[in-house]
């Protein structure tokens, strides 16, 4: 273990159903060691104080570990008598989704280097700020007291300015660690402590490599299991692009969504009354520019979904292609709002990647559906461009005599 000096400073057509906001967190734990491996409890820090010059020595208390030790800080030491505030998670926030700890708890969820085998919760880079809610607490294993410590893993491919902040219902301790060398050889980059309901922040330039964000109580007693915290991460962003609107394109002209937004513009079957944006047939390719986003509405997480309506008077092969500044979904949709809708063709792609859907269609009414591919929080106003081909103006047969008569 390095103790070097650190620097202290759904797919288809949701109808507004609530989303279990686990987007951005992998569903599989990261296991870095064989079963049964034992790990030295890592960082040792004098309770209530940062280590001198961040030298992490065996003479300091093991604050990164989850098990209490002689002299470990208690709730009484810091005057904590219970939650002083209520942490409220938004419906679109990411969720740790770990079961609430209890006595004799074995953390196989995200206990990091404190678990055997090691297990981390992997964070996925996204477009803008990540807001994540989790839980922690103190519990007994036999007669010893433990903390539920949460370890989140990020993988950076280049130097990145990262800001990591957290507020909790309990006395809080957070770490930023360089975990590139694994549990046997990691480096503490920074740590911060805060009282209950007070925000702690770490801001550092890190990478490339594997890094861990650590969250837990700074005390070993008095924090009920299920006590909540909310953390934010800025700078850990996925690759994006600029979806400029080409000259001559048709603009969606919908206002930018916001919390509580009611999509009375082109929300399709997702809203009552149903509302669609009709597009007119054209002799050539139709180019559309629109916006997407994810927002909170009525304590649920909603996507701004755009439904463009086409009506065919004869069989035609329709193709739609588009890309967005974030992960993008495109569909050709059939059916009716009353009896049910279905995807005729569908494509989901990462940001800046072209998605295409195409299908020969019988006469009737159909929709080109465009929007974010998930309910992971996404800034309203994120842009996309879309082209539709095959939706051409019908050409009626005319005799030469008929054509000449038009000019008489």
Protein backbone atom coordinates (compact mmCIF):
# COMPACT_ATOMS: atom_id res chain seq x y z
CA UNK A 1 0.00 0.00 0.00
CA UNK A 2 1.44 3.38 -0.96
CA UNK A 3 1.44 6.00 1.78
CA UNK A 4 2.85 8.82 -0.31
CA UNK A 5 2.08 12.46 0.35
CA UNK A 6 -1.43 13.37 -0.74
CA UNK A 7 -2.81 16.74 -1.72
CA UNK A 8 -5.33 18.10 0.75
CA UNK A 9 -7.55 20.59 -0.65
CA UNK A 10 -36.56 1.07 -21.15
CA UNK A 11 -36.51 1.35 -23.39
CA UNK A 12 -39.81 1.91 -25.25
CA UNK A 13 -42.29 4.75 -24.84
CA UNK A 14 -42.52 5.42 -21.10
CA UNK A 15 -45.81 6.79 -19.88
CA UNK A 16 -44.32 8.67 -16.97
CA UNK A 17 -43.69 5.70 -14.75
CA UNK A 18 -41.21 6.15 -11.93
CA UNK A 19 -37.71 5.00 -12.65
CA UNK A 20 -35.51 3.18 -10.16
CA UNK A 21 -32.66 5.58 -10.80
CA UNK A 22 -29.76 3.20 -11.04
CA UNK A 23 -28.55 4.56 -14.32
CA UNK A 24 -24.82 5.05 -14.42
CA UNK A 25 -24.09 2.32 -11.90
CA UNK A 26 -23.03 -1.03 -13.23
CA UNK A 27 -25.24 -3.94 -12.26
CA UNK A 28 -22.19 -6.12 -11.72
CA UNK A 29 -19.79 -5.70 -8.84
CA UNK A 30 -16.11 -5.28 -9.61
CA UNK A 31 -14.22 -8.13 -7.93
CA UNK A 32 -10.47 -7.60 -7.81
CA UNK A 33 -9.36 -10.52 -5.66
CA UNK A 34 -9.95 -14.21 -5.14
CA UNK A 35 -12.58 -15.27 -2.65
CA UNK A 36 -11.35 -15.30 0.90
CA UNK A 37 -8.55 -12.78 0.31
CA UNK A 38 -7.62 -10.74 3.37
CA UNK A 39 -6.75 -7.06 3.20
CA UNK A 40 -4.94 -4.83 5.64
CA UNK A 41 -7.21 -2.05 6.82
CA UNK A 42 -5.81 0.82 4.95
CA UNK A 43 -5.62 4.47 5.88
CA UNK A 44 -4.79 5.50 9.42
CA UNK A 45 -5.76 8.97 10.51
CA UNK A 46 -5.97 10.58 13.92
CA UNK A 47 -9.68 10.98 14.70
CA UNK A 48 -10.86 14.49 14.05
CA UNK A 49 -7.72 15.68 12.25
CA UNK A 50 -6.00 15.29 8.91
CA UNK A 51 -2.66 13.44 9.16
CA UNK A 52 0.40 15.70 9.25
CA UNK A 53 1.46 16.38 5.66
CA UNK A 54 -0.85 13.52 4.72
CA UNK A 55 1.68 10.94 5.82
CA UNK A 56 -0.42 7.85 6.49
CA UNK A 57 1.36 5.82 9.13
CA UNK A 58 0.53 2.86 11.32
CA UNK A 59 0.45 5.17 14.32
CA UNK A 60 -2.84 6.68 13.19
CA UNK A 61 -6.34 5.28 13.57
CA UNK A 62 -7.66 3.24 10.68
CA UNK A 63 -10.40 5.52 9.48
CA UNK A 64 -10.75 3.92 6.08
CA UNK A 65 -11.55 0.54 7.57
CA UNK A 66 -15.08 -0.40 8.48
CA UNK A 67 -14.39 -2.03 11.87
CA UNK A 68 -14.01 0.00 15.04
CA UNK A 69 -10.66 0.08 16.80
CA UNK A 70 -9.55 1.20 20.29
CA UNK A 71 -10.10 4.94 20.50
CA UNK A 72 -12.24 5.11 17.38
CA UNK A 73 -14.42 8.25 17.28
CA UNK A 74 -17.95 7.82 18.59
CA UNK A 75 -21.13 9.85 18.24
CA UNK A 76 -20.62 11.07 21.79
CA UNK A 77 -17.14 12.36 20.88
CA UNK A 78 -18.58 14.69 18.25
CA UNK A 79 -21.85 15.50 20.01
CA UNK A 80 -24.01 13.72 17.43
CA UNK A 81 -27.39 12.71 18.85
CA UNK A 82 -29.26 11.86 15.65
CA UNK A 83 -30.20 13.20 12.22
CA UNK A 84 -30.23 17.00 12.11
CA UNK A 85 -31.72 17.19 8.63
CA UNK A 86 -33.59 15.12 6.06
CA UNK A 87 -31.74 14.26 2.87
CA UNK A 88 -34.24 14.15 0.01
CA UNK A 89 -33.27 12.36 -3.18
CA UNK A 90 -34.77 13.54 -6.44
CA UNK A 91 -36.73 11.10 -8.61
CA UNK A 92 -34.07 11.33 -11.33
CA UNK A 93 -31.04 10.95 -9.06
CA UNK A 94 -28.88 7.87 -9.37
CA UNK A 95 -29.24 5.42 -6.50
CA UNK A 96 -26.68 3.30 -4.72
CA UNK A 97 -29.39 0.61 -4.39
CA UNK A 98 -27.49 -1.21 -1.65
CA UNK A 99 -29.74 -3.01 0.86
CA UNK A 100 -29.84 -1.22 4.22
CA UNK A 101 -27.24 -2.57 6.62
CA UNK A 102 -28.14 -4.41 9.82
CA UNK A 103 -26.40 -6.28 12.60
CA UNK A 104 -24.15 -9.07 11.30
CA UNK A 105 -24.16 -7.31 7.91
CA UNK A 106 -21.76 -8.63 5.26
CA UNK A 107 -21.16 -6.01 2.58
CA UNK A 108 -21.03 -7.75 -0.78
CA UNK A 109 -22.32 -4.62 -2.53
CA UNK A 110 -19.73 -1.84 -2.52
CA UNK A 111 -17.55 -2.39 0.54
CA UNK A 112 -14.41 -1.89 -1.55
CA UNK A 113 -11.18 -2.94 0.07
CA UNK A 114 -13.06 -3.53 3.34
CA UNK A 115 -14.91 -6.49 1.82
CA UNK A 116 -13.52 -9.92 1.05
CA UNK A 117 -13.55 -10.39 -1.86
CA UNK A 118 -13.14 -6.71 -2.74
CA UNK A 119 -16.23 -5.20 -4.31
CA UNK A 120 -16.82 -1.75 -5.82
CA UNK A 121 -19.74 0.09 -7.36
CA UNK A 122 -18.69 1.24 -10.83
CA UNK A 123 -19.74 4.73 -11.90
CA UNK A 124 -20.35 5.36 -15.59
CA UNK A 125 -19.26 8.70 -17.03
CA UNK A 126 -22.19 10.84 -18.09
CA UNK A 127 -23.11 14.16 -19.66
CA UNK A 128 -22.82 16.69 -16.87
CA UNK A 129 -23.25 16.44 -13.10
CA UNK A 130 -23.87 13.05 -11.51
CA UNK A 131 -26.11 13.18 -8.44
CA UNK A 132 -26.26 9.96 -6.43
CA UNK A 133 -28.11 8.99 -3.25
CA UNK A 134 -26.90 6.31 -0.86
CA UNK A 135 -27.25 5.00 2.68
CA UNK A 136 -24.89 4.14 5.49
CA UNK A 137 -24.87 3.49 9.22
CA UNK A 138 -23.30 1.68 12.18
CA UNK A 139 -24.01 -1.96 13.02
CA UNK A 140 -22.75 -4.82 15.17
CA UNK A 141 -20.81 -7.88 14.11
CA UNK A 142 -20.64 -9.96 17.24
CA UNK A 143 -19.71 -7.41 19.89
CA UNK A 144 -17.71 -5.16 17.52
CA UNK A 145 -19.06 -2.03 15.87
CA UNK A 146 -18.75 -1.48 12.13
CA UNK A 147 -19.60 1.14 9.52
CA UNK A 148 -21.21 0.63 6.15
CA UNK A 149 -18.51 2.14 3.91
CA UNK A 150 -19.29 2.77 0.23
CA UNK A 151 -16.59 2.66 -2.47
CA UNK A 152 -17.39 4.02 -5.94
CA UNK A 153 -15.03 3.39 -8.83
CA UNK A 154 -14.22 5.70 -11.76
CA UNK A 155 -11.92 4.91 -14.68
CA UNK A 156 -10.25 7.94 -16.30
CA UNK A 157 -8.38 7.85 -19.59
CA UNK A 158 -6.77 11.30 -19.28
CA UNK A 159 -6.09 14.00 -16.67
CA UNK A 160 -9.47 15.24 -15.49
CA UNK A 161 -10.65 18.01 -13.15
CA UNK A 162 -13.04 16.24 -10.77
CA UNK A 163 -15.13 17.78 -8.00
CA UNK A 164 -16.64 15.34 -5.49
CA UNK A 165 -19.06 16.70 -2.87
CA UNK A 166 -21.27 14.98 -0.32
CA UNK A 167 -23.83 15.90 2.36
CA UNK A 168 -25.10 13.37 4.90
CA UNK A 169 -27.54 13.00 7.77
CA UNK A 170 -24.57 11.90 9.90
CA UNK A 171 -21.00 13.07 10.69
CA UNK A 172 -19.32 12.51 7.35
CA UNK A 173 -15.96 11.35 6.05
CA UNK A 174 -15.07 11.21 2.35
CA UNK A 175 -11.93 10.11 0.50
CA UNK A 176 -10.62 10.33 -3.03
CA UNK A 177 -8.15 7.51 -3.71
CA UNK A 178 -5.97 6.42 -6.60
CA UNK A 179 -6.84 2.74 -6.86
CA UNK A 180 -4.84 2.00 -10.00
CA UNK A 181 -2.58 -0.33 -8.03
CA UNK A 182 -5.52 -2.16 -6.39
CA UNK A 183 -6.20 -2.64 -2.69
CA UNK A 184 -2.62 -3.66 -1.99
CA UNK A 185 -1.08 -0.46 -3.35
CA UNK A 186 -3.39 2.54 -3.43
CA UNK A 187 -2.85 6.21 -2.69
CA UNK A 188 -5.05 8.69 -0.83
CA UNK A 189 -5.31 11.80 -2.98
CA UNK A 190 -7.50 13.80 -0.59
CA UNK A 191 -9.93 13.46 2.32
CA UNK A 192 -12.46 15.72 4.03
CA UNK A 193 -14.68 15.54 7.10
CA UNK A 194 -17.92 17.41 7.82
CA UNK A 195 -20.60 17.60 10.49
CA UNK A 196 -24.02 16.18 9.77
CA UNK A 197 -25.91 18.25 7.17
CA UNK A 198 -22.75 20.12 6.15
CA UNK A 199 -21.28 19.61 2.68
CA UNK A 200 -17.78 18.21 2.28
CA UNK A 201 -16.01 18.70 -1.05
CA UNK A 202 -12.85 17.49 -2.76
CA UNK A 203 -11.58 19.07 -5.96
CA UNK A 204 -8.56 17.57 -7.71
CA UNK A 205 -7.04 16.97 -11.12
CA UNK A 206 -6.58 13.21 -11.41
CA UNK A 207 -5.98 10.53 -14.03
CA UNK A 208 -5.43 8.58 -16.04
CA UNK A 209 -6.13 5.47 -13.97
CA UNK A 210 -8.66 3.92 -11.62
CA UNK A 211 -9.96 6.06 -8.76
CA UNK A 212 -12.25 5.45 -5.80
CA UNK A 213 -14.70 7.79 -4.09
CA UNK A 214 -15.22 6.67 -0.49
CA UNK A 215 -18.24 7.68 1.65
CA UNK A 216 -18.97 6.72 5.26
CA UNK A 217 -19.61 8.01 8.77
CA UNK A 218 -16.66 9.52 10.59
CA UNK A 219 -17.96 7.89 13.79
CA UNK A 220 -18.47 4.26 14.78
CA UNK A 221 -21.61 4.64 16.91
CA UNK A 222 -24.95 6.41 16.82
CA UNK A 223 -25.69 6.38 13.07
CA UNK A 224 -28.78 4.25 12.33
CA UNK A 225 -28.53 1.98 9.29
CA UNK A 226 -30.40 3.57 6.40
CA UNK A 227 -29.14 7.08 7.18
CA UNK A 228 -28.92 8.88 3.87
CA UNK A 229 -26.38 10.93 1.98
CA UNK A 230 -26.34 12.63 -1.40
CA UNK A 231 -23.15 13.05 -3.43
CA UNK A 232 -22.37 14.96 -6.61
CA UNK A 233 -19.59 14.43 -9.11
CA UNK A 234 -18.61 17.05 -11.66
CA UNK A 235 -16.06 16.55 -14.42
CA UNK A 236 -16.53 12.80 -14.94
CA UNK A 237 -18.20 13.26 -18.29
CA UNK A 238 -18.81 11.03 -21.28
CA UNK A 239 -17.69 12.11 -24.72
CA UNK A 240 -20.22 14.39 -26.36
CA UNK A 241 -20.50 16.44 -29.53
CA UNK A 242 -22.36 19.42 -30.95
CA UNK A 243 -25.53 18.62 -32.87
CA UNK A 244 -25.75 21.83 -34.90
CA UNK A 245 -28.94 22.41 -36.84
CA UNK A 246 -28.27 22.37 -40.60
CA UNK A 247 -29.44 25.27 -42.74
CA UNK A 248 -32.97 24.76 -44.02
CA UNK A 249 -33.93 22.20 -41.38
CA UNK A 250 -37.37 22.07 -39.78
CA UNK A 251 -37.15 23.14 -36.12
CA UNK A 252 -39.10 21.24 -33.50
CA UNK A 253 -39.85 24.61 -31.83
CA UNK A 254 -40.78 23.00 -28.51
CA UNK A 255 -39.82 24.96 -25.42
CA UNK A 256 -36.96 23.51 -23.39
CA UNK A 257 -38.20 21.13 -20.70
CA UNK A 258 -37.78 21.82 -16.96
CA UNK A 259 -38.85 20.22 -13.62
CA UNK A 260 -42.62 19.87 -13.66
CA UNK A 261 -42.80 20.35 -17.44
CA UNK A 262 -46.02 19.27 -19.19
CA UNK A 263 -45.33 18.30 -22.80
CA UNK A 264 -48.32 19.68 -24.65
CA UNK A 265 -46.26 20.05 -27.83
CA UNK A 266 -45.34 16.60 -29.17
CA UNK A 267 -45.41 14.28 -26.17
CA UNK A 268 -47.47 11.76 -28.15
CA UNK A 269 -49.20 8.96 -26.29
CA UNK A 270 -47.33 9.84 -23.09
CA UNK A 271 -49.68 12.74 -22.34
CA UNK A 272 -53.40 13.39 -22.13
CA UNK A 273 -54.63 14.66 -24.42
CA UNK A 274 -52.34 12.91 -26.90
CA UNK A 275 -50.39 15.40 -28.95
CA UNK A 276 -48.19 14.88 -32.00
CA UNK A 277 -46.12 17.03 -34.33
CA UNK A 278 -47.13 16.43 -37.92
CA UNK A 279 -44.47 16.67 -40.59
CA UNK A 280 -45.38 17.32 -44.20
CA UNK A 281 -44.20 15.07 -47.01
CA UNK A 282 -41.44 16.41 -49.21
CA UNK A 283 -39.93 15.65 -52.58
CA UNK A 284 -36.58 15.00 -50.89
CA UNK A 285 -35.01 14.36 -47.51
CA UNK A 286 -36.65 16.06 -44.52
CA UNK A 287 -34.22 17.35 -41.86
CA UNK A 288 -35.48 18.02 -38.32
CA UNK A 289 -33.76 19.59 -35.31
CA UNK A 290 -35.00 18.95 -31.79
CA UNK A 291 -34.16 18.82 -28.10
CA UNK A 292 -34.30 16.08 -25.48
CA UNK A 293 -33.77 15.84 -21.74
CA UNK A 294 -34.77 14.07 -18.52
CA UNK A 295 -36.66 15.89 -15.78
CA UNK A 296 -38.69 15.40 -12.62
CA UNK A 297 -42.48 15.50 -12.83
CA UNK A 298 -44.91 14.62 -10.03
CA UNK A 299 -42.19 12.80 -8.01
CA UNK A 300 -41.30 10.68 -11.03
CA UNK A 301 -38.59 10.81 -13.67
CA UNK A 302 -39.71 11.66 -17.21
CA UNK A 303 -38.06 11.95 -20.59
CA UNK A 304 -38.86 14.66 -23.11
CA UNK A 305 -39.99 12.33 -25.91
CA UNK A 306 -40.78 13.73 -29.36
CA UNK A 307 -43.39 12.07 -31.59
CA UNK A 308 -43.36 13.13 -35.25
CA UNK A 309 -46.44 11.98 -37.16
CA UNK A 310 -46.46 10.82 -40.78
CA UNK A 311 -49.50 9.69 -42.78
CA UNK A 312 -49.03 7.44 -45.81
CA UNK A 313 -51.61 7.18 -48.60
CA UNK A 314 -49.74 4.35 -50.32
CA UNK A 315 -47.04 1.81 -49.37
CA UNK A 316 -43.66 3.45 -48.83
CA UNK A 317 -40.31 2.59 -47.30
CA UNK A 318 -39.54 5.14 -44.60
CA UNK A 319 -36.05 5.64 -43.21
CA UNK A 320 -35.14 7.91 -40.29
CA UNK A 321 -31.57 8.61 -39.18
CA UNK A 322 -30.30 10.84 -36.40
CA UNK A 323 -27.75 11.46 -33.67
CA UNK A 324 -27.70 13.40 -30.43
CA UNK A 325 -25.36 15.14 -28.03
CA UNK A 326 -26.06 12.32 -25.54
CA UNK A 327 -27.17 8.68 -25.76
CA UNK A 328 -29.99 8.67 -28.29
CA UNK A 329 -32.97 6.46 -29.17
CA UNK A 330 -34.91 6.46 -32.43
CA UNK A 331 -37.99 4.42 -33.35
CA UNK A 332 -40.65 3.92 -35.97
CA UNK A 333 -43.86 3.41 -34.00
CA UNK A 334 -47.19 1.95 -35.05
CA UNK A 335 -50.53 1.31 -33.36
CA UNK A 336 -52.82 3.73 -31.57
CA UNK A 337 -52.69 5.38 -28.16
CA UNK A 338 -56.05 3.81 -27.29
CA UNK A 339 -55.24 0.21 -28.21
CA UNK A 340 -51.49 0.23 -27.68
CA UNK A 341 -48.36 1.22 -29.57
CA UNK A 342 -45.43 -0.92 -30.69
CA UNK A 343 -41.95 -0.44 -32.11
CA UNK A 344 -41.68 -1.37 -35.77
CA UNK A 345 -37.95 -0.65 -35.76
CA UNK A 346 -35.67 0.74 -33.05
CA UNK A 347 -32.09 1.92 -32.61
CA UNK A 348 -30.17 3.00 -29.50
CA UNK A 349 -26.74 4.60 -29.91
CA UNK A 350 -24.16 6.50 -27.83
CA UNK A 351 -23.71 10.24 -28.25
CA UNK A 352 -22.44 11.42 -31.64
CA UNK A 353 -23.25 8.07 -33.27
CA UNK A 354 -25.71 7.80 -36.15
CA UNK A 355 -28.87 5.77 -35.48
CA UNK A 356 -31.03 4.61 -38.39
CA UNK A 357 -34.40 2.86 -38.55
CA UNK A 358 -36.08 1.77 -41.77
CA UNK A 359 -39.18 -0.21 -42.71
CA UNK A 360 -41.56 -0.70 -45.66
CA UNK A 361 -44.93 0.54 -44.38
CA UNK A 362 -48.50 0.09 -45.53
CA UNK A 363 -50.83 3.08 -45.83
CA UNK A 364 -51.71 4.50 -42.44
CA UNK A 365 -50.48 6.76 -39.64
CA UNK A 366 -47.10 6.21 -37.98
CA UNK A 367 -44.73 8.08 -35.70
CA UNK A 368 -41.00 8.76 -35.75
CA UNK A 369 -40.03 8.76 -32.05
CA UNK A 370 -36.87 10.54 -30.85
CA UNK A 371 -35.44 11.07 -27.37
CA UNK A 372 -32.91 10.13 -24.71
CA UNK A 373 -32.26 6.40 -24.51
CA UNK A 374 -32.63 6.20 -20.72
CA UNK A 375 -33.92 8.01 -17.65
CA UNK A 376 -30.42 8.82 -16.44
CA UNK A 377 -30.42 12.56 -15.62
CA UNK A 378 -29.79 14.59 -18.78
CA UNK A 379 -29.90 18.36 -19.13
CA UNK A 380 -33.01 19.62 -20.86
CA UNK A 381 -32.08 21.28 -24.12
CA UNK A 382 -29.63 18.56 -25.20
CA UNK A 383 -29.87 18.63 -28.99
CA UNK A 384 -30.30 16.10 -31.77
CA UNK A 385 -30.71 16.16 -35.55
CA UNK A 386 -32.93 13.82 -37.55
CA UNK A 387 -33.52 13.09 -41.24
CA UNK A 388 -36.51 11.32 -42.78
CA UNK A 389 -36.47 9.91 -46.32
CA UNK A 390 -39.17 8.15 -48.30
CA UNK A 391 -41.95 10.39 -47.03
CA UNK A 392 -42.40 11.95 -50.45
CA UNK A 393 -45.15 14.04 -52.01
CA UNK A 394 -47.43 11.84 -54.13
CA UNK A 395 -46.97 12.42 -57.88
CA UNK A 396 -50.16 12.02 -59.91
CA UNK A 397 -49.86 10.89 -63.59
CA UNK A 398 -50.56 13.63 -66.14
CA UNK A 399 -50.96 13.47 -69.93
CA UNK A 400 -49.07 15.92 -72.11
CA UNK A 401 -52.37 17.47 -73.10
CA UNK A 402 -53.23 18.06 -69.43
CA UNK A 403 -49.88 19.69 -68.79
CA UNK A 404 -50.26 22.00 -71.83
CA UNK A 405 -53.70 23.05 -70.64
CA UNK A 406 -52.16 24.42 -67.43
CA UNK A 407 -50.38 27.11 -69.40
CA UNK A 408 -53.24 28.24 -71.64
